[in-house]
Amino acid sequence: MDTNNIAFELILFSGNGRSSAMEAIQEAKQGNFERAEELLKQATEELGKAHNFQTQLIQAEADGKSNPVNILLVHAQDHLMTAMTVRDLAAEIVELYKKLGGR
């Protein structure tokens, strides 16, 4: 798979993960903790898929196959890192809502 296609896969799965994480916060806000946990799990799975594509790029470079770095790839990496941060923060926010009893 070429670099641009990998970048699009990174964007796709990162966006899915971020959306699930944000939805988890909304569910926790409503007191739907079981659904919030399911959404956090989905977010982790989607980010795992994105990470697998990122790993392909890293492995190719480690094998001496240089990847062209273009703005699309930089954008994709930014999406992944931001989505991972959102997922981590969403997990913390869900826990806070649990402690507050869904208020």
Protein backbone atom coordinates (compact mmCIF):
# COMPACT_ATOMS: atom_id res chain seq x y z
CA MET A 1 0.00 0.00 0.00
CA ASP A 2 1.41 3.40 -0.88
CA THR A 3 1.97 6.20 1.62
CA ASN A 4 -1.07 8.23 0.59
CA ASN A 5 -3.41 5.26 0.99
CA ILE A 6 -1.93 4.53 4.40
CA ALA A 7 -2.45 8.18 5.32
CA PHE A 8 -6.12 7.93 4.37
CA GLU A 9 -6.48 4.77 6.48
CA LEU A 10 -4.88 6.57 9.42
CA ILE A 11 -7.33 9.44 9.03
CA LEU A 12 -10.33 7.11 8.71
CA PHE A 13 -9.63 4.93 11.74
CA SER A 14 -8.40 7.83 13.86
CA GLY A 15 -11.57 9.75 13.12
CA ASN A 16 -13.70 6.74 14.01
CA GLY A 17 -11.84 6.35 17.29
CA ARG A 18 -12.12 10.01 18.17
CA SER A 19 -15.86 10.02 17.42
CA SER A 20 -16.46 6.97 19.62
CA ALA A 21 -14.49 8.56 22.46
CA MET A 22 -16.48 11.79 22.25
CA GLU A 23 -19.72 9.81 22.14
CA ALA A 24 -18.59 7.93 25.26
CA ILE A 25 -18.36 11.21 27.14
CA GLN A 26 -21.91 12.11 26.16
CA GLU A 27 -23.19 8.71 27.25
CA ALA A 28 -21.43 9.01 30.61
CA LYS A 29 -22.88 12.48 31.02
CA GLN A 30 -26.34 10.89 30.71
CA GLY A 31 -25.42 8.16 33.21
CA ASN A 32 -25.17 5.44 30.55
CA PHE A 33 -21.89 4.02 31.82
CA GLU A 34 -22.16 0.60 30.21
CA ARG A 35 -22.63 2.21 26.79
CA ALA A 36 -19.81 4.66 27.53
CA GLU A 37 -17.47 1.76 28.26
CA GLU A 38 -18.51 0.02 25.04
CA LEU A 39 -17.75 3.18 23.09
CA LEU A 40 -14.35 3.54 24.74
CA LYS A 41 -13.61 -0.05 23.75
CA GLN A 42 -14.66 0.75 20.16
CA ALA A 43 -12.43 3.81 20.20
CA THR A 44 -9.49 1.70 21.33
CA GLU A 45 -10.16 -0.87 18.60
CA GLU A 46 -10.36 1.78 15.87
CA LEU A 47 -7.19 3.46 17.10
CA GLY A 48 -5.53 0.06 17.12
CA LYS A 49 -6.36 -0.32 13.43
CA ALA A 50 -4.85 3.10 12.74
CA HIS A 51 -1.79 2.20 14.76
CA ASN A 52 -1.32 -0.93 12.64
CA PHE A 53 -1.09 1.23 9.52
CA GLN A 54 1.35 3.53 11.26
CA THR A 55 3.44 0.48 12.18
CA GLN A 56 3.58 -0.51 8.49
CA LEU A 57 5.23 2.82 7.73
CA ILE A 58 7.69 2.47 10.59
CA GLN A 59 8.61 -1.09 9.64
CA ALA A 60 9.11 -0.13 5.99
CA GLU A 61 11.41 2.68 6.98
CA ALA A 62 13.32 0.41 9.35
CA ASP A 63 13.79 -1.97 6.40
CA GLY A 64 15.36 0.85 4.41
CA LYS A 65 12.29 1.69 2.33
CA SER A 66 12.00 5.44 2.61
CA ASN A 67 8.49 6.88 2.78
CA PRO A 68 7.86 10.26 1.22
CA VAL A 69 6.69 12.64 3.91
CA ASN A 70 3.99 14.91 2.56
CA ILE A 71 1.38 17.13 4.13
CA LEU A 72 -1.23 14.37 3.90
CA LEU A 73 0.91 12.02 5.99
CA VAL A 74 1.67 14.76 8.51
CA HIS A 75 -2.06 15.49 8.72
CA ALA A 76 -2.81 11.78 9.22
CA GLN A 77 -0.25 11.48 12.01
CA ASP A 78 -1.74 14.56 13.65
CA HIS A 79 -5.19 12.95 13.50
CA LEU A 80 -3.90 9.77 15.12
CA MET A 81 -2.08 11.49 17.97
CA THR A 82 -5.00 13.83 18.67
CA ALA A 83 -7.49 10.96 18.62
CA MET A 84 -5.35 8.97 21.04
CA THR A 85 -5.28 11.93 23.41
CA VAL A 86 -9.05 12.38 23.14
CA ARG A 87 -9.58 8.69 23.91
CA ASP A 88 -7.34 8.87 26.98
CA LEU A 89 -9.08 11.99 28.26
CA ALA A 90 -12.51 10.52 27.51
CA ALA A 91 -11.68 7.51 29.68
CA GLU A 92 -10.80 9.86 32.54
CA ILE A 93 -13.96 11.91 32.04
CA VAL A 94 -16.12 8.78 32.04
CA GLU A 95 -14.53 7.76 35.35
CA LEU A 96 -15.23 11.20 36.79
CA TYR A 97 -18.88 10.97 35.77
CA LYS A 98 -19.07 7.55 37.42
CA LYS A 99 -17.74 8.99 40.66
CA LEU A 100 -20.24 11.81 40.45
CA GLY A 101 -23.06 9.32 39.94
CA GLY A 102 -23.96 10.46 36.45
CA ARG A 103 -24.78 14.04 37.41
